[in-house]
C-alpha atoms as a PDB file:
ATOM      1  CA  MET A   1    -100.810  62.258  81.270  1.00  0.00           C
ATOM      2  CA  GLN A   2    -101.281  64.020  77.935  1.00  0.00           C
ATOM      3  CA  TYR A   3     -97.831  65.544  78.190  1.00  0.00           C
ATOM      4  CA  LYS A   4     -96.267  62.134  78.796  1.00  0.00           C
ATOM      5  CA  ILE A   5     -97.914  60.727  75.682  1.00  0.00           C
ATOM      6  CA  LEU A   6     -96.809  63.753  73.683  1.00  0.00           C
ATOM      7  CA  LEU A   7     -93.258  63.375  75.000  1.00  0.00           C
ATOM      8  CA  VAL A   8     -93.160  59.676  74.080  1.00  0.00           C
ATOM      9  CA  LEU A   9     -94.480  60.406  70.579  1.00  0.00           C
ATOM     10  CA  LEU A  10     -92.001  63.217  70.082  1.00  0.00           C
ATOM     11  CA  ALA A  11     -89.090  61.093  71.307  1.00  0.00           C
ATOM     12  CA  THR A  12     -90.152  58.249  69.002  1.00  0.00           C
ATOM     13  CA  ALA A  13     -90.416  60.586  66.016  1.00  0.00           C
ATOM     14  CA  CYS A  14     -86.955  61.989  66.734  1.00  0.00           C
ATOM     15  CA  CYS A  15     -85.468  58.495  66.834  1.00  0.00           C
ATOM     16  CA  PHE A  16     -86.775  57.726  63.366  1.00  0.00           C
ATOM     17  CA  ASN A  17     -85.227  60.885  61.973  1.00  0.00           C
ATOM     18  CA  TYR A  18     -81.734  60.306  63.338  1.00  0.00           C
ATOM     19  CA  LEU A  19     -79.045  60.988  60.784  1.00  0.00           C
ATOM     20  CA  PRO A  20     -75.579  59.794  61.707  1.00  0.00           C
ATOM     21  CA  GLU A  21     -72.685  62.181  61.465  1.00  0.00           C
ATOM     22  CA  VAL A  22     -69.714  60.749  59.634  1.00  0.00           C
ATOM     23  CA  GLU A  23     -66.325  62.182  58.864  1.00  0.00           C
ATOM     24  CA  ILE A  24     -64.561  61.495  55.581  1.00  0.00           C
ATOM     25  CA  ASP A  25     -60.770  61.724  55.777  1.00  0.00           C
ATOM     26  CA  LEU A  26     -59.787  62.912  52.304  1.00  0.00           C
ATOM     27  CA  SER A  27     -56.109  62.508  53.171  1.00  0.00           C
ATOM     28  CA  ALA A  28     -56.609  58.750  53.618  1.00  0.00           C
ATOM     29  CA  PRO A  29     -55.923  56.393  50.707  1.00  0.00           C
ATOM     30  CA  PRO A  30     -58.909  56.440  48.308  1.00  0.00           C
ATOM     31  CA  ARG A  31     -59.923  52.843  49.083  1.00  0.00           C
ATOM     32  CA  GLN A  32     -60.155  53.645  52.798  1.00  0.00           C
ATOM     33  CA  ARG A  33     -61.965  57.006  52.704  1.00  0.00           C
ATOM     34  CA  TRP A  34     -65.574  55.833  52.750  1.00  0.00           C
ATOM     35  CA  LYS A  35     -65.283  52.488  54.545  1.00  0.00           C
ATOM     36  CA  GLU A  36     -66.062  53.770  58.042  1.00  0.00           C
ATOM     37  CA  SER A  37     -69.062  55.717  56.766  1.00  0.00           C
ATOM     38  CA  VAL A  38     -70.424  52.713  54.884  1.00  0.00           C
ATOM     39  CA  ARG A  39     -69.926  50.539  57.963  1.00  0.00           C
ATOM     40  CA  THR A  40     -71.731  53.113  60.132  1.00  0.00           C
ATOM     41  CA  ILE A  41     -74.754  53.184  57.807  1.00  0.00           C
ATOM     42  CA  LEU A  42     -74.886  49.387  57.563  1.00  0.00           C
ATOM     43  CA  ASP A  43     -74.598  48.998  61.336  1.00  0.00           C
ATOM     44  CA  LEU A  44     -77.373  51.516  61.972  1.00  0.00           C
ATOM     45  CA  TYR A  45     -79.828  50.672  59.204  1.00  0.00           C
ATOM     46  CA  GLY A  46     -78.740  47.402  57.609  1.00  0.00           C
ATOM     47  CA  TYR A  47     -78.346  46.782  53.899  1.00  0.00           C
ATOM     48  CA  GLU A  48     -82.083  46.417  53.253  1.00  0.00           C
ATOM     49  CA  ASN A  49     -82.825  49.876  54.672  1.00  0.00           C
ATOM     50  CA  SER A  50     -79.921  51.772  53.150  1.00  0.00           C
ATOM     51  CA  PHE A  51     -77.918  50.686  50.126  1.00  0.00           C
ATOM     52  CA  GLY A  52     -80.175  47.822  49.056  1.00  0.00           C
ATOM     53  CA  PRO A  53     -83.102  49.882  47.726  1.00  0.00           C
ATOM     54  CA  VAL A  54     -80.732  52.250  45.910  1.00  0.00           C
ATOM     55  CA  PHE A  55     -78.912  49.416  44.141  1.00  0.00           C
ATOM     56  CA  GLN A  56     -82.205  47.677  43.377  1.00  0.00           C
ATOM     57  CA  ALA A  57     -83.628  50.827  41.775  1.00  0.00           C
ATOM     58  CA  HIS A  58     -80.494  51.338  39.665  1.00  0.00           C
ATOM     59  CA  ASN A  59     -80.480  47.689  38.619  1.00  0.00           C
ATOM     60  CA  GLU A  60     -84.141  47.813  37.565  1.00  0.00           C
ATOM     61  CA  GLU A  61     -84.183  51.241  35.925  1.00  0.00           C
ATOM     62  CA  THR A  62     -80.689  51.795  34.572  1.00  0.00           C
ATOM     63  CA  PHE A  63     -78.511  48.733  34.478  1.00  0.00           C
ATOM     64  CA  SER A  64     -81.185  46.333  33.208  1.00  0.00           C
ATOM     65  CA  ILE A  65     -80.945  47.939  29.757  1.00  0.00           C
ATOM     66  CA  LEU A  66     -77.170  47.563  29.479  1.00  0.00           C
ATOM     67  CA  ALA A  67     -75.417  44.732  27.698  1.00  0.00           C
ATOM     68  CA  PRO A  68     -72.596  42.897  29.524  1.00  0.00           C
ATOM     69  CA  GLU A  69     -69.949  44.603  27.387  1.00  0.00           C
ATOM     70  CA  ASP A  70     -71.346  47.991  28.449  1.00  0.00           C
ATOM     71  CA  TYR A  71     -70.275  47.265  32.026  1.00  0.00           C
ATOM     72  CA  ILE A  72     -66.724  46.605  30.858  1.00  0.00           C
ATOM     73  CA  THR A  73     -66.711  49.819  28.810  1.00  0.00           C
ATOM     74  CA  MET A  74     -67.999  51.886  31.738  1.00  0.00           C
ATOM     75  CA  ALA A  75     -65.596  50.347  34.260  1.00  0.00           C
ATOM     76  CA  THR A  76     -62.634  50.844  31.929  1.00  0.00           C
ATOM     77  CA  ALA A  77     -63.579  54.477  31.276  1.00  0.00           C
ATOM     78  CA  ILE A  78     -63.993  55.237  34.985  1.00  0.00           C
ATOM     79  CA  ARG A  79     -60.687  53.568  35.893  1.00  0.00           C
ATOM     80  CA  LYS A  80     -58.867  55.428  33.104  1.00  0.00           C
ATOM     81  CA  ASN A  81     -60.414  58.891  33.471  1.00  0.00           C
ATOM     82  CA  PHE A  82     -61.208  58.957  37.184  1.00  0.00           C
ATOM     83  CA  PRO A  83     -58.692  56.632  38.883  1.00  0.00           C
ATOM     84  CA  GLU A  84     -59.108  58.094  42.373  1.00  0.00           C
ATOM     85  CA  TYR A  85     -62.901  57.933  42.157  1.00  0.00           C
ATOM     86  CA  SER A  86     -62.618  54.353  40.904  1.00  0.00           C
ATOM     87  CA  LEU A  87     -60.561  53.374  43.954  1.00  0.00           C
ATOM     88  CA  GLU A  88     -63.115  55.025  46.256  1.00  0.00           C
ATOM     89  CA  ILE A  89     -65.911  52.999  44.640  1.00  0.00           C
ATOM     90  CA  GLU A  90     -63.877  49.806  44.997  1.00  0.00           C
ATOM     91  CA  GLY A  91     -63.386  50.548  48.700  1.00  0.00           C
ATOM     92  CA  ILE A  92     -67.127  51.070  49.185  1.00  0.00           C
ATOM     93  CA  VAL A  93     -67.904  47.801  47.406  1.00  0.00           C
ATOM     94  CA  GLU A  94     -65.289  45.962  49.481  1.00  0.00           C
ATOM     95  CA  GLU A  95     -66.840  47.250  52.707  1.00  0.00           C
ATOM     96  CA  ILE A  96     -70.356  46.251  51.684  1.00  0.00           C
ATOM     97  CA  GLN A  97     -69.133  42.802  50.632  1.00  0.00           C
ATOM     98  CA  GLN A  98     -67.162  42.328  53.831  1.00  0.00           C
ATOM     99  CA  THR A  99     -69.946  43.550  56.084  1.00  0.00           C
ATOM    100  CA  ARG A 100     -73.003  42.106  54.373  1.00  0.00           C
ATOM    101  CA  SER A 101     -71.828  39.614  51.740  1.00  0.00           C
ATOM    102  CA  TYR A 102     -73.817  41.373  49.027  1.00  0.00           C
ATOM    103  CA  LEU A 103     -72.815  42.614  45.567  1.00  0.00           C
END
């Protein structure tokens, strides 16, 4: 009986530590590269248990001190200096919006 309880506890603990394996196709167009991974995380954990707390922390700690024009300056600089990265971010945002209607 003790072994059964131990097995159940161990199996339960393993389930809570599951990390999905995702594959990023860097040869795909930048907007498409991360979409499947984002969808996988949202399907497994939901917005509230994945991206939500991260965005909330950044909004409270970092972005709350920025003026509206700072967002425009940052977005313009990223699009100009890191165009591929900018497209990847846009693809991630699109997937979150499509899947969860957030952001």
